[in-house]
Amino acid sequence: MTDHAAKGTGRRRWFGLFFISLGVALIIVDSTIVNVAIPSIIDDIGLTSSGAQWVQEIYTLVFAALLLVWGRLADQWGRRRLFIIGVVIFAGSSVLAATSGTGTLLILARAVQGIGGSMMLPTSLSLLNAGFRGKERGIAFAFWGATIGGMAALGPLLGGWLTTSFSWRWAFGINIPLGLLVIVGMLLYVAESKDEHARAGTDIPGAVLAAVGFGGLVFGLIEGRNFGWIRATGDFSAFGWTWPWSVSASAVAGTVGVAALVTFVLVERGRNIRGDAAMLDLSLFTIPSFRNGNIAAAIVSLGEFGVIFSLPLWLQSVTGYSAFETGLALLPLAVGSFAASGVSATIGQRFTPVTLVRMGIALEIVGIAGFGLLLRTESGWLTTTPLLFVYGIGVGLATAQLTGVVLVDVPVERSGQGSGTQSTARQVGSALGIAILGTILFTTLGSRLDDALQAMGQLPDVARLKFVDAVKDSAGAIIPSLRADPATAPVAEAARNAFTDAARASALSAAAFLVVGMLASLSLGGHKHDIPRHASDEEATADVVAPDSHPLHAASD
């Protein structure tokens, strides 16, 4: 493999890291910023409730479906080239989103944004894996991880500010100048790299099966609560067409997704054996750090979703915070995440990456479990700030270092495949987190509120169930208006208590999954990435990235 990284030496690589991370920040912010802009979008262009859901979900579905596809093609076509193409597509579709006059156009724009974003995320990782060595790679991944964690928290703040002070259209319009800045920076400071010995040809069956498989699986996991896990319990519609069968759309999509993934593995196995171009080199899973690291990453992502999912809803519904105030309340998470990147270089001198992963997961557990134990209806920023800060430090450590652990033994020429696989594992884990923790949150909310209203004994059954459904269906958004009306204030108070109990249950469940993730990380010890961090740069570089030292290279030679 010829890695054209010579151009990316010295300061140029660190400038390049900034622009790569800025590109990643765009796609992470975009996945969260829309949540706070949706009410304004509904008012402005008359978006239906079904359309609003698709504006939020289509980006995630397309993004998850294509991660593995673009990760592989980046190795063939050039990682910088594919990243820049992704930025162009992302920024161009942001123009369409910002100028959309109908829900259909906005949904289409969001789908195209998902295509661009799915090009950028795995390619960003493979660029870092190819461009940095030894301890510098750990620092680069730490900065990348802090960007992921920090931008997830800053998204609602930025979205609330832009929507309130200007227009919801600027929630998309801001991507345009920043996207142009990323493109210029990438051309100036990031070296091109690709697998010079990649097999010729394109694995079209593998690409189609991967897209259908992961897209169907993620849709089934995310939408099961809305449309039913087996039997249809909600109306699924898209572009004027309504799902006509009694079996739920999510169950069908999930089943098709699983079947497609099984077929994908069989097809890829055959192509690997024959020596044909393949979307996924299955021999990567013979690398213990890669195999076990992906399992741990999926489980940790499942647990990490706990706070990001339930806390913004709780802050707005129970405490009455505005969208902008909610963003401010989440700011300590971003501060903690960025702080972790600042200290990781220092503490990385004393601890191995796997140890830092476990430290990060432990801090995440402390932060999330703290919400499960301490959250009350009268809680405010004094309660949430320290817990979010601790949790943010944990995310900053765990996300970056776990990514580095997963990719450290992957040959550089296969960085795209490795990055796409680990990004997909995280995305599937997040979707599973949405399914499980969302179900826990809203099931607990409905059950506790129903019990509380029954105990009040003042409402007939029909009215009681109507209030319960209204609170659940609005994800608690109706609580402030119920509280403002003296006639329904007692119902609102019961709903606030029920929502707080539900948020605590969801947080404790997320903490439990993170404990499982911690246990999964125990399988990560004893590999090359456990080199002592006080080793010299030359020793670390040789041990981590020497291409001829790995069995996969020997096999390919």
Protein backbone atom coordinates (compact mmCIF):
# COMPACT_ATOMS: atom_id res chain seq x y z
CA MET A 1 0.00 0.00 0.00
CA THR A 2 1.22 3.48 -0.84
CA ASP A 3 -0.09 5.97 1.67
CA HIS A 4 0.31 9.53 0.36
CA ALA A 5 0.62 10.93 3.83
CA ALA A 6 3.97 12.56 3.22
CA LYS A 7 2.18 15.76 2.34
CA GLY A 8 0.36 15.72 5.67
CA THR A 9 3.35 16.18 7.95
CA GLY A 10 3.97 18.50 10.86
CA ARG A 11 1.44 21.21 11.52
CA ARG A 12 -0.47 20.45 8.33
CA ARG A 13 -1.90 17.25 9.83
CA TRP A 14 -3.20 19.09 12.88
CA PHE A 15 -4.85 21.75 10.71
CA GLY A 16 -6.27 18.86 8.71
CA LEU A 17 -7.61 17.28 11.91
CA PHE A 18 -9.46 20.52 12.66
CA PHE A 19 -11.19 20.58 9.27
CA ILE A 20 -12.02 16.87 9.40
CA SER A 21 -13.55 17.37 12.85
CA LEU A 22 -15.44 20.45 11.65
CA GLY A 23 -16.98 18.32 8.91
CA VAL A 24 -17.96 15.68 11.47
CA ALA A 25 -19.43 18.43 13.66
CA LEU A 26 -21.77 19.43 10.81
CA ILE A 27 -23.32 15.97 10.50
CA ILE A 28 -23.57 15.41 14.26
CA VAL A 29 -25.21 18.79 14.87
CA ASP A 30 -27.59 18.22 11.98
CA SER A 31 -28.86 15.01 13.56
CA THR A 32 -29.90 16.90 16.72
CA ILE A 33 -30.57 20.46 15.62
CA VAL A 34 -33.78 19.56 13.77
CA ASN A 35 -35.46 18.33 16.95
CA VAL A 36 -35.82 21.86 18.34
CA ALA A 37 -36.66 23.38 14.94
CA ILE A 38 -39.58 21.04 14.17
CA PRO A 39 -42.33 23.12 15.87
CA SER A 40 -41.37 26.20 13.82
CA ILE A 41 -41.18 24.12 10.64
CA ILE A 42 -44.69 22.76 11.27
CA ASP A 43 -46.06 26.28 11.73
CA ASP A 44 -44.26 27.71 8.69
CA ILE A 45 -44.87 25.15 5.94
CA GLY A 46 -47.85 23.27 7.39
CA LEU A 47 -45.97 20.03 7.99
CA THR A 48 -48.16 17.12 9.13
CA SER A 49 -47.27 15.03 12.19
CA SER A 50 -46.30 12.16 9.89
CA GLY A 51 -44.17 14.51 7.80
CA ALA A 52 -42.49 15.91 10.90
CA GLN A 53 -41.53 12.39 11.94
CA TRP A 54 -40.05 11.68 8.51
CA VAL A 55 -38.03 14.90 8.58
CA GLN A 56 -36.39 13.62 11.75
CA GLU A 57 -36.08 9.92 10.89
CA ILE A 58 -35.19 9.81 7.18
CA TYR A 59 -31.74 11.30 7.87
CA THR A 60 -30.96 8.62 10.46
CA LEU A 61 -32.23 5.77 8.27
CA VAL A 62 -30.29 6.75 5.14
CA PHE A 63 -27.22 7.57 7.23
CA ALA A 64 -27.18 4.18 8.95
CA ALA A 65 -27.93 2.23 5.77
CA LEU A 66 -24.92 3.53 3.80
CA LEU A 67 -22.11 3.78 6.37
CA LEU A 68 -20.57 0.43 5.48
CA VAL A 69 -20.93 1.01 1.74
CA TRP A 70 -19.03 4.29 1.71
CA GLY A 71 -16.42 3.03 4.15
CA ARG A 72 -15.39 0.36 1.64
CA LEU A 73 -15.52 2.61 -1.40
CA ALA A 74 -13.34 5.19 0.37
CA ASP A 75 -10.51 2.65 0.40
CA GLN A 76 -10.88 2.23 -3.38
CA TRP A 77 -11.63 5.75 -4.58
CA GLY A 78 -9.63 7.81 -2.10
CA ARG A 79 -10.64 8.81 1.42
CA ARG A 80 -10.17 12.57 1.08
CA ARG A 81 -11.97 12.56 -2.26
CA LEU A 82 -15.01 10.75 -0.86
CA PHE A 83 -15.07 12.96 2.23
CA ILE A 84 -15.11 16.11 0.07
CA ILE A 85 -17.84 14.64 -2.16
CA GLY A 86 -19.83 13.97 1.00
CA VAL A 87 -19.39 17.60 2.14
CA VAL A 88 -20.53 18.87 -1.28
CA ILE A 89 -23.64 16.67 -1.19
CA PHE A 90 -24.35 17.61 2.43
CA ALA A 91 -23.97 21.36 1.86
CA GLY A 92 -25.89 21.26 -1.43
CA SER A 93 -28.81 19.42 0.14
CA SER A 94 -28.73 21.93 2.99
CA VAL A 95 -29.53 24.62 0.41
CA LEU A 96 -32.55 22.57 -0.67
CA ALA A 97 -33.61 22.07 2.96
CA ALA A 98 -33.22 25.76 3.84
CA THR A 99 -35.34 26.86 0.87
CA SER A 100 -37.98 24.11 1.05
CA GLY A 101 -41.56 25.31 0.78
CA THR A 102 -43.20 21.92 1.25
CA GLY A 103 -42.78 18.96 3.55
CA THR A 104 -42.01 16.64 0.61
CA LEU A 105 -39.07 18.78 -0.51
CA LEU A 106 -37.73 19.01 3.03
CA ILE A 107 -37.92 15.24 3.52
CA LEU A 108 -36.12 14.71 0.20
CA ALA A 109 -33.42 17.17 1.24
CA ARG A 110 -32.95 15.38 4.56
CA ALA A 111 -32.56 12.05 2.75
CA VAL A 112 -29.83 13.51 0.54
CA GLN A 113 -28.18 14.98 3.65
CA GLY A 114 -28.08 11.45 5.03
CA ILE A 115 -26.22 10.30 1.93
CA GLY A 116 -23.61 13.04 2.32
CA GLY A 117 -23.26 12.49 6.06
CA SER A 118 -22.82 8.73 5.63
CA MET A 119 -19.87 9.44 3.30
CA MET A 120 -18.21 11.72 5.81
CA LEU A 121 -18.33 9.90 9.17
CA PRO A 122 -16.51 6.61 8.38
CA THR A 123 -14.17 8.39 5.97
CA SER A 124 -13.15 10.83 8.71
CA LEU A 125 -12.03 7.91 10.86
CA SER A 126 -10.09 6.23 8.07
CA LEU A 127 -8.34 9.55 7.30
CA LEU A 128 -7.22 9.80 10.93
CA ASN A 129 -6.20 6.15 10.99
CA ALA A 130 -4.09 6.67 7.86
CA GLY A 131 -2.67 10.08 8.75
CA PHE A 132 -1.58 9.71 12.39
CA ARG A 133 0.76 7.30 14.13
CA GLY A 134 1.58 6.24 17.68
CA LYS A 135 0.58 8.60 20.48
CA GLU A 136 -0.45 11.28 17.96
CA ARG A 137 -3.18 8.94 16.72
CA GLY A 138 -4.59 8.75 20.25
CA ILE A 139 -4.67 12.55 20.48
CA ALA A 140 -6.36 12.80 17.08
CA PHE A 141 -9.03 10.29 18.04
CA ALA A 142 -9.54 12.10 21.34
CA PHE A 143 -10.24 15.35 19.48
CA TRP A 144 -12.57 13.50 17.09
CA GLY A 145 -14.39 11.86 20.01
CA ALA A 146 -14.79 15.16 21.83
CA THR A 147 -16.31 16.61 18.67
CA ILE A 148 -18.87 13.80 18.55
CA GLY A 149 -19.89 14.16 22.20
CA GLY A 150 -19.70 17.93 22.32
CA MET A 151 -21.65 18.58 19.13
CA ALA A 152 -24.43 16.20 20.20
CA ALA A 153 -24.97 18.50 23.17
CA LEU A 154 -24.42 21.78 21.29
CA GLY A 155 -26.91 20.89 18.55
CA PRO A 156 -30.05 21.72 20.56
CA LEU A 157 -28.47 24.98 21.82
CA LEU A 158 -27.49 26.08 18.33
CA GLY A 159 -30.83 25.00 16.91
CA GLY A 160 -32.76 26.85 19.60
CA TRP A 161 -30.75 30.04 19.08
CA LEU A 162 -31.01 30.03 15.28
CA THR A 163 -34.71 29.15 15.30
CA THR A 164 -35.60 31.72 17.96
CA SER A 165 -33.39 34.61 16.82
CA PHE A 166 -33.57 34.12 13.05
CA SER A 167 -35.47 31.28 11.35
CA TRP A 168 -35.60 27.50 11.31
CA ARG A 169 -34.14 27.76 7.79
CA TRP A 170 -30.82 28.86 9.30
CA ALA A 171 -30.63 25.55 11.13
CA PHE A 172 -29.83 24.18 7.66
CA GLY A 173 -28.38 27.32 6.08
CA ILE A 174 -25.46 27.43 8.51
CA ASN A 175 -24.13 24.23 6.90
CA ILE A 176 -23.42 26.05 3.63
CA PRO A 177 -20.60 28.47 4.63
CA LEU A 178 -19.15 25.94 7.06
CA GLY A 179 -19.22 23.24 4.39
CA LEU A 180 -17.30 25.49 1.99
CA LEU A 181 -14.74 26.15 4.74
CA VAL A 182 -14.31 22.40 5.29
CA ILE A 183 -13.76 21.77 1.57
CA VAL A 184 -11.03 24.44 1.33
CA GLY A 185 -9.34 23.16 4.49
CA MET A 186 -9.43 19.55 3.28
CA LEU A 187 -7.81 20.48 -0.04
CA LEU A 188 -5.09 22.50 1.67
CA TYR A 189 -4.21 20.38 4.68
CA VAL A 190 -5.36 16.76 4.28
CA ALA A 191 -3.37 14.28 2.24
CA GLU A 192 -5.10 11.78 -0.03
CA SER A 193 -4.84 8.11 0.90
CA LYS A 194 -6.34 4.91 -0.47
CA ASP A 195 -5.68 1.21 -0.86
CA GLU A 196 -3.39 1.04 -3.90
CA HIS A 197 -3.79 -2.74 -4.05
CA ALA A 198 -7.58 -2.89 -3.75
CA ARG A 199 -9.19 -5.55 -5.90
CA ALA A 200 -10.71 -4.18 -9.09
CA GLY A 201 -14.48 -4.25 -9.44
CA THR A 202 -17.50 -3.22 -7.43
CA ASP A 203 -19.53 -5.42 -5.08
CA ILE A 204 -22.99 -4.23 -6.13
CA PRO A 205 -24.91 -7.14 -4.49
CA GLY A 206 -23.06 -6.53 -1.23
CA ALA A 207 -23.73 -2.79 -1.35
CA VAL A 208 -27.47 -3.31 -1.96
CA LEU A 209 -27.79 -5.99 0.73
CA ALA A 210 -25.87 -3.88 3.28
CA ALA A 211 -28.04 -0.82 2.60
CA VAL A 212 -31.31 -2.78 2.76
CA GLY A 213 -30.16 -4.76 5.79
CA PHE A 214 -28.99 -1.95 8.00
CA GLY A 215 -31.72 0.43 6.81
CA GLY A 216 -34.46 -2.11 7.54
CA LEU A 217 -32.99 -3.10 10.90
CA VAL A 218 -32.61 0.49 12.11
CA PHE A 219 -36.13 1.39 10.91
CA GLY A 220 -37.59 -1.60 12.74
CA LEU A 221 -35.79 -0.73 15.96
CA ILE A 222 -36.56 2.99 15.92
CA GLU A 223 -40.18 2.79 14.79
CA GLY A 224 -41.35 -0.28 16.69
CA ARG A 225 -42.74 1.83 19.51
CA ASN A 226 -44.69 4.02 17.09
CA PHE A 227 -46.07 1.44 14.68
CA GLY A 228 -46.05 -1.73 16.79
CA TRP A 229 -43.46 -4.43 17.28
CA ILE A 230 -45.56 -7.18 15.68
CA ARG A 231 -49.12 -6.02 15.01
CA ALA A 232 -49.80 -2.55 13.62
CA THR A 233 -50.70 -0.16 16.44
CA GLY A 234 -50.15 3.11 14.57
CA ASP A 235 -50.69 4.44 11.08
CA PHE A 236 -47.55 4.36 8.95
CA SER A 237 -47.75 6.62 5.91
CA ALA A 238 -45.29 8.11 3.45
CA PHE A 239 -45.91 10.46 0.52
CA GLY A 240 -49.67 9.90 0.64
CA TRP A 241 -49.51 6.09 0.90
CA THR A 242 -50.71 4.38 4.10
CA TRP A 243 -49.62 0.95 5.33
CA PRO A 244 -52.66 -1.34 4.73
CA TRP A 245 -51.78 -4.56 6.62
CA SER A 246 -52.34 -5.69 10.19
CA VAL A 247 -48.70 -6.70 10.69
CA SER A 248 -46.67 -3.63 11.59
CA ALA A 249 -44.39 -1.90 9.09
CA SER A 250 -41.58 -1.93 11.64
CA ALA A 251 -41.83 -5.71 12.06
CA VAL A 252 -41.69 -6.26 8.30
CA ALA A 253 -38.79 -3.83 7.88
CA GLY A 254 -36.85 -5.42 10.73
CA THR A 255 -37.41 -8.93 9.37
CA VAL A 256 -36.37 -7.91 5.86
CA GLY A 257 -33.33 -6.18 7.34
CA VAL A 258 -32.19 -9.24 9.30
CA ALA A 259 -32.73 -11.51 6.27
CA ALA A 260 -30.76 -9.11 4.06
CA LEU A 261 -27.87 -9.01 6.56
CA VAL A 262 -27.71 -12.81 6.80
CA THR A 263 -27.65 -12.97 3.00
CA PHE A 264 -25.03 -10.22 2.97
CA VAL A 265 -22.69 -12.23 5.19
CA LEU A 266 -23.11 -15.33 2.98
CA VAL A 267 -22.52 -13.36 -0.21
CA GLU A 268 -19.46 -11.62 1.24
CA ARG A 269 -18.07 -14.94 2.46
CA GLY A 270 -18.33 -16.35 -1.03
CA ARG A 271 -16.71 -13.31 -2.60
CA ASN A 272 -13.89 -13.39 -0.02
CA ILE A 273 -13.21 -17.07 -0.80
CA ARG A 274 -13.20 -16.47 -4.57
CA GLY A 275 -11.00 -13.39 -4.25
CA ASP A 276 -13.59 -11.06 -5.80
CA ALA A 277 -13.99 -7.44 -4.80
CA ALA A 278 -16.05 -7.45 -1.59
CA MET A 279 -17.87 -4.81 0.41
CA LEU A 280 -16.54 -6.32 3.66
CA ASP A 281 -13.37 -8.26 4.27
CA LEU A 282 -14.59 -10.79 6.85
CA SER A 283 -11.03 -11.57 7.87
CA LEU A 284 -11.10 -8.27 9.78
CA PHE A 285 -13.20 -10.06 12.39
CA THR A 286 -10.30 -12.42 13.08
CA ILE A 287 -8.57 -9.42 14.70
CA PRO A 288 -9.56 -9.65 18.39
CA SER A 289 -9.41 -5.90 19.06
CA PHE A 290 -11.62 -5.19 16.03
CA ARG A 291 -14.15 -7.94 16.73
CA ASN A 292 -14.47 -7.39 20.48
CA GLY A 293 -14.20 -3.62 20.16
CA ASN A 294 -17.19 -3.46 17.81
CA ILE A 295 -19.27 -5.53 20.20
CA ALA A 296 -18.33 -3.24 23.08
CA ALA A 297 -18.98 -0.12 20.96
CA ALA A 298 -22.50 -1.28 20.06
CA ILE A 299 -23.38 -2.00 23.69
CA VAL A 300 -21.88 1.25 24.97
CA SER A 301 -23.75 3.24 22.29
CA LEU A 302 -26.97 1.62 23.45
CA GLY A 303 -26.41 2.90 26.98
CA GLU A 304 -25.04 6.30 26.00
CA PHE A 305 -28.33 7.20 24.35
CA GLY A 306 -30.08 7.34 27.74
CA VAL A 307 -29.39 10.95 28.71
CA ILE A 308 -29.46 12.43 25.20
CA PHE A 309 -32.90 10.93 24.60
CA SER A 310 -34.81 11.50 27.82
CA LEU A 311 -33.25 14.55 29.48
CA PRO A 312 -34.18 17.20 26.83
CA LEU A 313 -37.79 15.97 26.91
CA TRP A 314 -37.81 16.08 30.71
CA LEU A 315 -36.28 19.58 30.84
CA GLN A 316 -38.91 21.05 28.53
CA SER A 317 -41.93 19.10 29.80
CA VAL A 318 -41.32 19.03 33.54
CA THR A 319 -39.19 22.09 34.29
CA GLY A 320 -40.75 24.21 31.54
CA TYR A 321 -37.44 25.16 29.91
CA SER A 322 -37.57 26.64 26.41
CA ALA A 323 -35.64 25.00 23.58
CA PHE A 324 -32.80 27.48 24.03
CA GLU A 325 -32.73 27.03 27.82
CA THR A 326 -32.64 23.28 27.30
CA GLY A 327 -29.64 23.70 25.04
CA LEU A 328 -27.90 25.77 27.72
CA ALA A 329 -28.69 23.11 30.32
CA LEU A 330 -27.01 20.49 28.10
CA LEU A 331 -23.91 22.63 27.60
CA PRO A 332 -21.95 21.02 30.50
CA LEU A 333 -22.00 17.76 28.53
CA ALA A 334 -20.20 19.46 25.65
CA VAL A 335 -17.76 21.18 28.04
CA GLY A 336 -16.96 17.86 29.71
CA SER A 337 -16.46 16.14 26.37
CA PHE A 338 -14.06 18.78 25.09
CA ALA A 339 -12.26 18.83 28.46
CA ALA A 340 -11.66 15.10 28.09
CA SER A 341 -9.86 15.65 24.79
CA GLY A 342 -7.65 18.22 26.48
CA VAL A 343 -6.56 15.92 29.29
CA SER A 344 -6.41 12.69 27.29
CA ALA A 345 -2.96 13.48 25.92
CA THR A 346 -1.65 13.93 29.45
CA ILE A 347 -3.26 10.93 31.12
CA GLY A 348 -2.58 8.89 27.99
CA GLN A 349 1.10 8.99 28.99
CA ARG A 350 0.26 6.83 32.01
CA PHE A 351 -2.63 4.62 30.94
CA THR A 352 -3.33 2.34 28.00
CA PRO A 353 -6.21 3.17 25.62
CA VAL A 354 -8.27 0.27 26.96
CA THR A 355 -7.86 1.60 30.50
CA LEU A 356 -9.04 5.02 29.32
CA VAL A 357 -12.06 3.38 27.68
CA ARG A 358 -12.99 1.77 31.00
CA MET A 359 -12.43 5.02 32.88
CA GLY A 360 -14.71 6.79 30.40
CA ILE A 361 -17.46 4.17 30.67
CA ALA A 362 -17.20 4.32 34.48
CA LEU A 363 -17.71 8.10 34.42
CA GLU A 364 -20.66 7.70 32.06
CA ILE A 365 -22.20 5.20 34.49
CA VAL A 366 -21.73 7.66 37.37
CA GLY A 367 -23.36 10.47 35.39
CA ILE A 368 -26.35 8.50 34.10
CA ALA A 369 -26.93 6.57 37.32
CA GLY A 370 -26.85 9.93 39.11
CA PHE A 371 -29.88 11.01 37.09
CA GLY A 372 -31.63 7.79 38.00
CA LEU A 373 -31.01 8.37 41.70
CA LEU A 374 -31.19 12.16 42.09
CA LEU A 375 -33.71 13.48 39.56
CA ARG A 376 -36.84 15.04 41.10
CA THR A 377 -39.62 17.20 39.67
CA GLU A 378 -38.14 20.25 41.40
CA SER A 379 -34.60 19.53 40.12
CA GLY A 380 -32.91 22.16 37.97
CA TRP A 381 -29.54 23.03 36.55
CA LEU A 382 -27.85 22.66 39.96
CA THR A 383 -28.65 18.96 39.77
CA THR A 384 -28.06 18.38 36.08
CA THR A 385 -24.86 20.42 35.56
CA PRO A 386 -22.36 18.30 37.55
CA LEU A 387 -23.88 15.04 36.34
CA LEU A 388 -23.75 16.14 32.70
CA PHE A 389 -20.18 17.37 33.10
CA VAL A 390 -19.04 14.02 34.51
CA TYR A 391 -20.98 12.19 31.82
CA GLY A 392 -19.43 14.41 29.12
CA ILE A 393 -15.91 13.63 30.31
CA GLY A 394 -16.80 9.94 30.13
CA VAL A 395 -18.15 10.27 26.59
CA GLY A 396 -15.06 12.19 25.51
CA LEU A 397 -12.76 9.48 26.84
CA ALA A 398 -14.76 6.38 25.91
CA THR A 399 -15.85 7.40 22.39
CA ALA A 400 -12.42 8.43 21.16
CA GLN A 401 -10.37 5.74 22.83
CA LEU A 402 -12.80 2.93 21.94
CA THR A 403 -12.65 4.03 18.31
CA GLY A 404 -8.88 3.92 18.45
CA VAL A 405 -8.94 0.47 20.06
CA VAL A 406 -11.27 -0.88 17.35
CA LEU A 407 -9.07 0.41 14.50
CA VAL A 408 -5.57 0.13 15.96
CA ASP A 409 -4.81 -3.31 14.54
CA VAL A 410 -6.70 -2.78 11.27
CA PRO A 411 -4.26 -2.47 8.34
CA VAL A 412 -4.22 1.10 7.09
CA GLU A 413 -5.29 0.12 3.57
CA ARG A 414 -8.49 -1.37 5.04
CA SER A 415 -9.24 1.67 7.21
CA GLY A 416 -12.39 2.54 5.27
CA GLN A 417 -13.93 -0.88 5.80
CA GLY A 418 -12.94 -0.90 9.45
CA SER A 419 -14.25 2.62 10.04
CA GLY A 420 -17.53 1.92 8.25
CA THR A 421 -18.04 -1.24 10.26
CA GLN A 422 -17.44 0.39 13.64
CA SER A 423 -19.61 3.40 12.71
CA THR A 424 -22.40 1.01 11.71
CA ALA A 425 -22.03 -0.95 14.96
CA ARG A 426 -22.44 2.28 16.92
CA GLN A 427 -25.44 3.34 14.83
CA VAL A 428 -27.20 0.01 15.31
CA GLY A 429 -26.44 0.20 19.03
CA SER A 430 -27.94 3.71 19.18
CA ALA A 431 -31.05 2.52 17.32
CA LEU A 432 -31.40 -0.34 19.78
CA GLY A 433 -31.04 2.21 22.57
CA ILE A 434 -33.85 4.29 21.07
CA ALA A 435 -36.05 1.20 20.92
CA ILE A 436 -35.38 -0.14 24.41
CA LEU A 437 -34.93 3.07 26.41
CA GLY A 438 -37.73 4.84 24.56
CA THR A 439 -40.06 1.96 25.32
CA ILE A 440 -39.04 2.02 28.99
CA LEU A 441 -39.53 5.80 29.16
CA PHE A 442 -43.00 5.95 27.63
CA THR A 443 -44.30 2.69 29.09
CA THR A 444 -43.30 3.84 32.58
CA LEU A 445 -44.76 7.30 31.92
CA GLY A 446 -48.14 5.87 30.86
CA SER A 447 -48.29 3.35 33.68
CA ARG A 448 -47.34 5.80 36.45
CA LEU A 449 -49.66 8.53 35.18
CA ASP A 450 -52.59 6.13 34.85
CA ASP A 451 -52.02 4.88 38.41
CA ALA A 452 -51.79 8.45 39.73
CA LEU A 453 -54.97 9.59 37.98
CA GLN A 454 -56.85 6.53 39.21
CA ALA A 455 -55.70 7.29 42.76
CA MET A 456 -57.06 10.83 42.42
CA GLY A 457 -60.50 9.31 41.73
CA GLN A 458 -61.83 12.47 40.09
CA LEU A 459 -61.86 11.46 36.43
CA PRO A 460 -64.05 9.03 34.49
CA ASP A 461 -62.17 6.25 32.69
CA VAL A 462 -62.55 7.80 29.25
CA ALA A 463 -61.15 11.16 30.36
CA ARG A 464 -58.34 9.50 32.32
CA LEU A 465 -57.19 7.43 29.36
CA LYS A 466 -57.46 10.46 27.10
CA PHE A 467 -55.08 12.42 29.33
CA VAL A 468 -52.65 9.49 29.51
CA ASP A 469 -52.60 9.10 25.72
CA ALA A 470 -52.19 12.85 25.19
CA VAL A 471 -49.17 13.04 27.49
CA LYS A 472 -47.54 9.96 25.94
CA ASP A 473 -48.25 10.90 22.32
CA SER A 474 -46.84 14.40 22.80
CA ALA A 475 -43.77 13.03 24.64
CA GLY A 476 -44.76 15.26 27.55
CA ALA A 477 -44.96 18.45 25.48
CA ILE A 478 -48.59 18.98 26.52
CA ILE A 479 -47.71 19.14 30.23
CA PRO A 480 -46.92 22.91 30.38
CA SER A 481 -50.28 23.80 28.80
CA LEU A 482 -52.11 21.47 31.20
CA ARG A 483 -50.26 23.12 34.07
CA ALA A 484 -51.27 26.60 32.92
CA ASP A 485 -54.99 25.74 33.14
CA PRO A 486 -56.24 25.60 36.77
CA ALA A 487 -58.80 22.94 35.78
CA THR A 488 -56.10 20.53 34.58
CA ALA A 489 -53.26 21.60 36.89
CA PRO A 490 -53.66 18.48 39.13
CA VAL A 491 -53.34 16.28 36.02
CA ALA A 492 -50.24 18.20 34.99
CA GLU A 493 -48.66 17.70 38.41
CA ALA A 494 -49.35 13.97 38.21
CA ALA A 495 -47.85 13.94 34.73
CA ARG A 496 -44.72 15.78 35.92
CA ASN A 497 -44.19 13.21 38.67
CA ALA A 498 -44.83 10.34 36.27
CA PHE A 499 -42.44 11.77 33.67
CA THR A 500 -39.74 12.19 36.31
CA ASP A 501 -40.18 8.57 37.41
CA ALA A 502 -40.01 7.47 33.78
CA ALA A 503 -36.84 9.49 33.11
CA ARG A 504 -35.22 7.97 36.19
CA ALA A 505 -36.17 4.45 35.07
CA SER A 506 -34.76 5.12 31.60
CA ALA A 507 -31.53 6.51 33.08
CA LEU A 508 -31.04 3.53 35.39
CA SER A 509 -31.66 1.16 32.48
CA ALA A 510 -29.09 3.03 30.40
CA ALA A 511 -26.61 2.77 33.28
CA ALA A 512 -27.24 -0.98 33.40
CA PHE A 513 -26.42 -1.30 29.70
CA LEU A 514 -23.23 0.68 30.23
CA VAL A 515 -22.28 -1.78 32.97
CA VAL A 516 -22.70 -4.54 30.38
CA GLY A 517 -20.54 -2.44 28.03
CA MET A 518 -17.91 -2.21 30.77
CA LEU A 519 -17.95 -6.00 31.11
CA ALA A 520 -17.65 -6.33 27.32
CA SER A 521 -14.56 -4.11 27.43
CA LEU A 522 -12.83 -6.75 29.55
CA SER A 523 -12.34 -8.74 26.34
CA LEU A 524 -10.21 -5.94 24.91
CA GLY A 525 -7.09 -6.53 26.99
CA GLY A 526 -3.89 -8.21 25.90
CA HIS A 527 -3.60 -6.85 22.35
CA LYS A 528 -1.15 -4.55 20.64
CA HIS A 529 -2.97 -1.42 21.65
CA ASP A 530 -1.99 -2.14 25.26
CA ILE A 531 1.56 -0.92 24.70
CA PRO A 532 2.70 1.26 27.61
CA ARG A 533 2.00 4.90 26.84
CA HIS A 534 5.43 5.96 28.09
CA ALA A 535 7.06 4.11 25.20
CA SER A 536 8.89 6.25 22.69
CA ASP A 537 7.06 7.54 19.64
CA GLU A 538 9.17 5.34 17.39
CA GLU A 539 8.40 2.20 19.41
CA ALA A 540 4.70 3.01 19.56
CA THR A 541 4.55 3.70 15.84
CA ALA A 542 6.36 0.52 14.94
CA ASP A 543 4.22 -1.61 17.21
CA VAL A 544 0.92 -0.12 16.13
CA VAL A 545 1.18 0.36 12.40
CA ALA A 546 4.00 -1.69 10.93
CA PRO A 547 2.15 -3.15 7.94
CA ASP A 548 4.11 -6.36 7.62
CA SER A 549 3.68 -7.31 11.26
CA HIS A 550 0.01 -8.25 11.02
CA PRO A 551 -1.22 -11.67 9.87
CA LEU A 552 -3.60 -10.02 7.40
CA HIS A 553 -0.68 -8.42 5.59
CA ALA A 554 1.18 -11.69 5.45
CA ALA A 555 -1.87 -13.31 3.97
CA SER A 556 -2.30 -10.58 1.37
CA ASP A 557 1.35 -10.79 0.36
